[in-house]
Amino acid sequence: MNRNDMENIPIFLIAGLLFVWTQPSLLVAQVLLYGFVATRLAHFWAYSTAKPHEVRATFFSIGSLIIIGMAVYTFIYAI
């Protein structure tokens, strides 16, 4: 579990900080930031209740896509 957190959370903190600096609309920020937290909590639940790998991978992938979305948003804003 700890390795999954170390793969995802530090990158989220960096991408999230840069994303917030772009001053996105409140709705976009809430959906992406709260969405990431929700997927991490869901991943933790799936991991702690020994759900199949496919369930855990789904939550992990959604969280990763949210980080990618924030990075793309930030990149487009920077251009």
N, C-alpha and C. Protein backbone atom coordinates (compact mmCIF):
# COMPACT_ATOMS: atom_id res chain seq x y z
N MET A 1 0.83 -1.20 0.00
CA MET A 1 0.00 0.00 0.00
C MET A 1 0.87 1.26 0.00
N ASN A 2 1.91 1.24 0.81
CA ASN A 2 2.76 2.42 0.94
C ASN A 2 3.41 2.78 -0.39
N ARG A 3 3.81 1.77 -1.17
CA ARG A 3 4.45 2.06 -2.45
C ARG A 3 3.48 2.71 -3.42
N ASN A 4 2.22 2.28 -3.40
CA ASN A 4 1.22 2.92 -4.25
C ASN A 4 1.06 4.38 -3.88
N ASP A 5 1.06 4.66 -2.59
CA ASP A 5 0.94 6.05 -2.15
C ASP A 5 2.15 6.86 -2.60
N MET A 6 3.33 6.29 -2.51
CA MET A 6 4.55 7.02 -2.87
C MET A 6 4.68 7.19 -4.38
N GLU A 7 3.95 6.40 -5.15
CA GLU A 7 3.95 6.58 -6.60
C GLU A 7 3.00 7.69 -7.02
N ASN A 8 1.98 7.92 -6.25
CA ASN A 8 0.87 8.77 -6.68
C ASN A 8 0.79 10.09 -5.93
N ILE A 9 0.90 10.08 -4.64
CA ILE A 9 0.63 11.28 -3.83
C ILE A 9 1.66 12.40 -4.05
N PRO A 10 2.98 12.13 -4.06
CA PRO A 10 3.92 13.24 -4.31
C PRO A 10 3.70 13.91 -5.66
N ILE A 11 3.40 13.12 -6.67
CA ILE A 11 3.14 13.69 -7.99
C ILE A 11 1.86 14.53 -7.94
N PHE A 12 0.86 14.05 -7.21
CA PHE A 12 -0.38 14.82 -7.06
C PHE A 12 -0.11 16.15 -6.38
N LEU A 13 0.72 16.16 -5.37
CA LEU A 13 1.00 17.41 -4.66
C LEU A 13 1.66 18.44 -5.58
N ILE A 14 2.59 17.99 -6.40
CA ILE A 14 3.25 18.91 -7.34
C ILE A 14 2.28 19.37 -8.41
N ALA A 15 1.59 18.41 -9.04
CA ALA A 15 0.63 18.76 -10.10
C ALA A 15 -0.50 19.62 -9.54
N GLY A 16 -0.95 19.30 -8.33
CA GLY A 16 -2.03 20.07 -7.71
C GLY A 16 -1.62 21.50 -7.41
N LEU A 17 -0.41 21.69 -6.93
CA LEU A 17 0.07 23.04 -6.66
C LEU A 17 0.15 23.86 -7.94
N LEU A 18 0.74 23.28 -8.97
CA LEU A 18 0.83 23.99 -10.24
C LEU A 18 -0.56 24.25 -10.82
N PHE A 19 -1.45 23.27 -10.68
CA PHE A 19 -2.83 23.40 -11.17
C PHE A 19 -3.55 24.55 -10.46
N VAL A 20 -3.41 24.64 -9.15
CA VAL A 20 -4.07 25.70 -8.38
C VAL A 20 -3.52 27.06 -8.75
N TRP A 21 -2.24 27.13 -9.07
CA TRP A 21 -1.64 28.41 -9.49
C TRP A 21 -2.24 28.93 -10.80
N THR A 22 -2.82 28.04 -11.60
CA THR A 22 -3.45 28.49 -12.85
C THR A 22 -4.81 29.12 -12.61
N GLN A 23 -5.28 29.08 -11.40
CA GLN A 23 -6.57 29.64 -10.99
C GLN A 23 -7.72 29.09 -11.84
N PRO A 24 -7.91 27.75 -11.80
CA PRO A 24 -9.02 27.16 -12.57
C PRO A 24 -10.35 27.56 -11.94
N SER A 25 -11.42 27.30 -12.66
CA SER A 25 -12.73 27.59 -12.08
C SER A 25 -12.93 26.70 -10.86
N LEU A 26 -13.77 27.17 -9.95
CA LEU A 26 -13.99 26.44 -8.71
C LEU A 26 -14.53 25.04 -8.98
N LEU A 27 -15.44 24.90 -9.92
CA LEU A 27 -16.03 23.60 -10.22
C LEU A 27 -14.98 22.62 -10.74
N VAL A 28 -14.15 23.06 -11.66
CA VAL A 28 -13.10 22.19 -12.21
C VAL A 28 -12.14 21.78 -11.10
N ALA A 29 -11.73 22.73 -10.27
CA ALA A 29 -10.81 22.42 -9.18
C ALA A 29 -11.43 21.43 -8.20
N GLN A 30 -12.69 21.64 -7.83
CA GLN A 30 -13.34 20.73 -6.89
C GLN A 30 -13.47 19.32 -7.47
N VAL A 31 -13.87 19.22 -8.72
CA VAL A 31 -14.04 17.91 -9.33
C VAL A 31 -12.71 17.16 -9.36
N LEU A 32 -11.66 17.81 -9.79
CA LEU A 32 -10.37 17.13 -9.91
C LEU A 32 -9.72 16.85 -8.56
N LEU A 33 -9.68 17.84 -7.69
CA LEU A 33 -9.00 17.65 -6.40
C LEU A 33 -9.78 16.70 -5.49
N TYR A 34 -11.07 16.92 -5.34
CA TYR A 34 -11.87 16.01 -4.52
C TYR A 34 -11.96 14.63 -5.17
N GLY A 35 -11.99 14.60 -6.50
CA GLY A 35 -12.02 13.33 -7.20
C GLY A 35 -10.78 12.49 -6.91
N PHE A 36 -9.62 13.13 -6.88
CA PHE A 36 -8.40 12.39 -6.56
C PHE A 36 -8.45 11.84 -5.15
N VAL A 37 -8.88 12.67 -4.20
CA VAL A 37 -8.96 12.21 -2.81
C VAL A 37 -9.94 11.04 -2.70
N ALA A 38 -11.07 11.14 -3.39
CA ALA A 38 -12.06 10.06 -3.36
C ALA A 38 -11.50 8.77 -3.94
N THR A 39 -10.75 8.86 -5.03
CA THR A 39 -10.20 7.65 -5.62
C THR A 39 -9.11 7.05 -4.73
N ARG A 40 -8.34 7.88 -4.04
CA ARG A 40 -7.34 7.34 -3.11
C ARG A 40 -8.01 6.65 -1.93
N LEU A 41 -9.10 7.25 -1.43
CA LEU A 41 -9.84 6.59 -0.34
C LEU A 41 -10.46 5.28 -0.82
N ALA A 42 -10.99 5.27 -2.03
CA ALA A 42 -11.58 4.05 -2.57
C ALA A 42 -10.49 3.00 -2.79
N HIS A 43 -9.32 3.42 -3.24
CA HIS A 43 -8.21 2.48 -3.41
C HIS A 43 -7.79 1.90 -2.07
N PHE A 44 -7.73 2.74 -1.04
CA PHE A 44 -7.39 2.26 0.30
C PHE A 44 -8.42 1.25 0.78
N TRP A 45 -9.69 1.56 0.58
CA TRP A 45 -10.76 0.63 0.98
C TRP A 45 -10.61 -0.70 0.24
N ALA A 46 -10.39 -0.64 -1.07
CA ALA A 46 -10.25 -1.86 -1.85
C ALA A 46 -9.03 -2.67 -1.41
N TYR A 47 -7.97 -1.98 -1.09
CA TYR A 47 -6.74 -2.65 -0.66
C TYR A 47 -6.92 -3.28 0.72
N SER A 48 -7.52 -2.54 1.64
CA SER A 48 -7.66 -3.04 3.01
C SER A 48 -8.71 -4.14 3.14
N THR A 49 -9.64 -4.23 2.21
CA THR A 49 -10.65 -5.29 2.25
C THR A 49 -10.32 -6.42 1.27
N ALA A 50 -9.10 -6.42 0.74
CA ALA A 50 -8.60 -7.48 -0.14
C ALA A 50 -9.47 -7.70 -1.37
N LYS A 51 -9.87 -6.61 -2.00
CA LYS A 51 -10.62 -6.71 -3.26
C LYS A 51 -9.67 -7.17 -4.36
N PRO A 52 -10.21 -7.68 -5.45
CA PRO A 52 -9.35 -8.15 -6.55
C PRO A 52 -8.50 -7.01 -7.13
N HIS A 53 -7.43 -7.42 -7.77
CA HIS A 53 -6.51 -6.45 -8.35
C HIS A 53 -7.21 -5.50 -9.32
N GLU A 54 -8.17 -6.00 -10.08
CA GLU A 54 -8.86 -5.17 -11.07
C GLU A 54 -9.57 -3.99 -10.41
N VAL A 55 -10.13 -4.20 -9.24
CA VAL A 55 -10.82 -3.11 -8.52
C VAL A 55 -9.81 -2.07 -8.07
N ARG A 56 -8.73 -2.54 -7.45
CA ARG A 56 -7.69 -1.60 -6.99
C ARG A 56 -7.07 -0.86 -8.16
N ALA A 57 -6.81 -1.56 -9.24
CA ALA A 57 -6.19 -0.94 -10.42
C ALA A 57 -7.11 0.10 -11.04
N THR A 58 -8.41 -0.14 -11.00
CA THR A 58 -9.36 0.84 -11.53
C THR A 58 -9.27 2.15 -10.76
N PHE A 59 -9.29 2.07 -9.44
CA PHE A 59 -9.20 3.29 -8.62
C PHE A 59 -7.85 3.98 -8.80
N PHE A 60 -6.79 3.19 -8.85
CA PHE A 60 -5.46 3.77 -9.06
C PHE A 60 -5.38 4.47 -10.41
N SER A 61 -5.94 3.85 -11.43
CA SER A 61 -5.91 4.43 -12.78
C SER A 61 -6.72 5.71 -12.87
N ILE A 62 -7.87 5.75 -12.23
CA ILE A 62 -8.68 6.97 -12.23
C ILE A 62 -7.91 8.11 -11.57
N GLY A 63 -7.26 7.82 -10.44
CA GLY A 63 -6.44 8.83 -9.77
C GLY A 63 -5.31 9.32 -10.66
N SER A 64 -4.68 8.40 -11.37
CA SER A 64 -3.60 8.78 -12.29
C SER A 64 -4.12 9.64 -13.43
N LEU A 65 -5.30 9.31 -13.95
CA LEU A 65 -5.89 10.12 -15.02
C LEU A 65 -6.23 11.52 -14.53
N ILE A 66 -6.64 11.64 -13.30
CA ILE A 66 -6.93 12.97 -12.74
C ILE A 66 -5.64 13.79 -12.68
N ILE A 67 -4.55 13.17 -12.26
CA ILE A 67 -3.26 13.88 -12.22
C ILE A 67 -2.85 14.30 -13.63
N ILE A 68 -3.02 13.42 -14.59
CA ILE A 68 -2.70 13.76 -15.98
C ILE A 68 -3.57 14.92 -16.45
N GLY A 69 -4.85 14.90 -16.09
CA GLY A 69 -5.76 15.99 -16.47
C GLY A 69 -5.31 17.32 -15.89
N MET A 70 -4.89 17.32 -14.64
CA MET A 70 -4.40 18.56 -14.03
C MET A 70 -3.13 19.04 -14.72
N ALA A 71 -2.25 18.11 -15.06
CA ALA A 71 -1.00 18.48 -15.73
C ALA A 71 -1.28 19.05 -17.12
N VAL A 72 -2.19 18.44 -17.85
CA VAL A 72 -2.54 18.94 -19.18
C VAL A 72 -3.17 20.32 -19.07
N TYR A 73 -4.07 20.50 -18.12
CA TYR A 73 -4.71 21.80 -17.90
C TYR A 73 -3.65 22.86 -17.61
N THR A 74 -2.70 22.52 -16.75
CA THR A 74 -1.63 23.45 -16.40
C THR A 74 -0.76 23.76 -17.62
N PHE A 75 -0.43 22.74 -18.40
CA PHE A 75 0.39 22.93 -19.58
C PHE A 75 -0.30 23.84 -20.60
N ILE A 76 -1.58 23.60 -20.83
CA ILE A 76 -2.34 24.42 -21.77
C ILE A 76 -2.42 25.87 -21.27
N TYR A 77 -2.59 26.06 -19.97
CA TYR A 77 -2.64 27.39 -19.39
C TYR A 77 -1.29 28.10 -19.57
N ALA A 78 -0.21 27.34 -19.47
CA ALA A 78 1.13 27.94 -19.58
C ALA A 78 1.45 28.39 -20.99
N ILE A 79 0.79 27.79 -21.95
CA ILE A 79 1.07 28.15 -23.36
C ILE A 79 0.33 29.37 -23.70
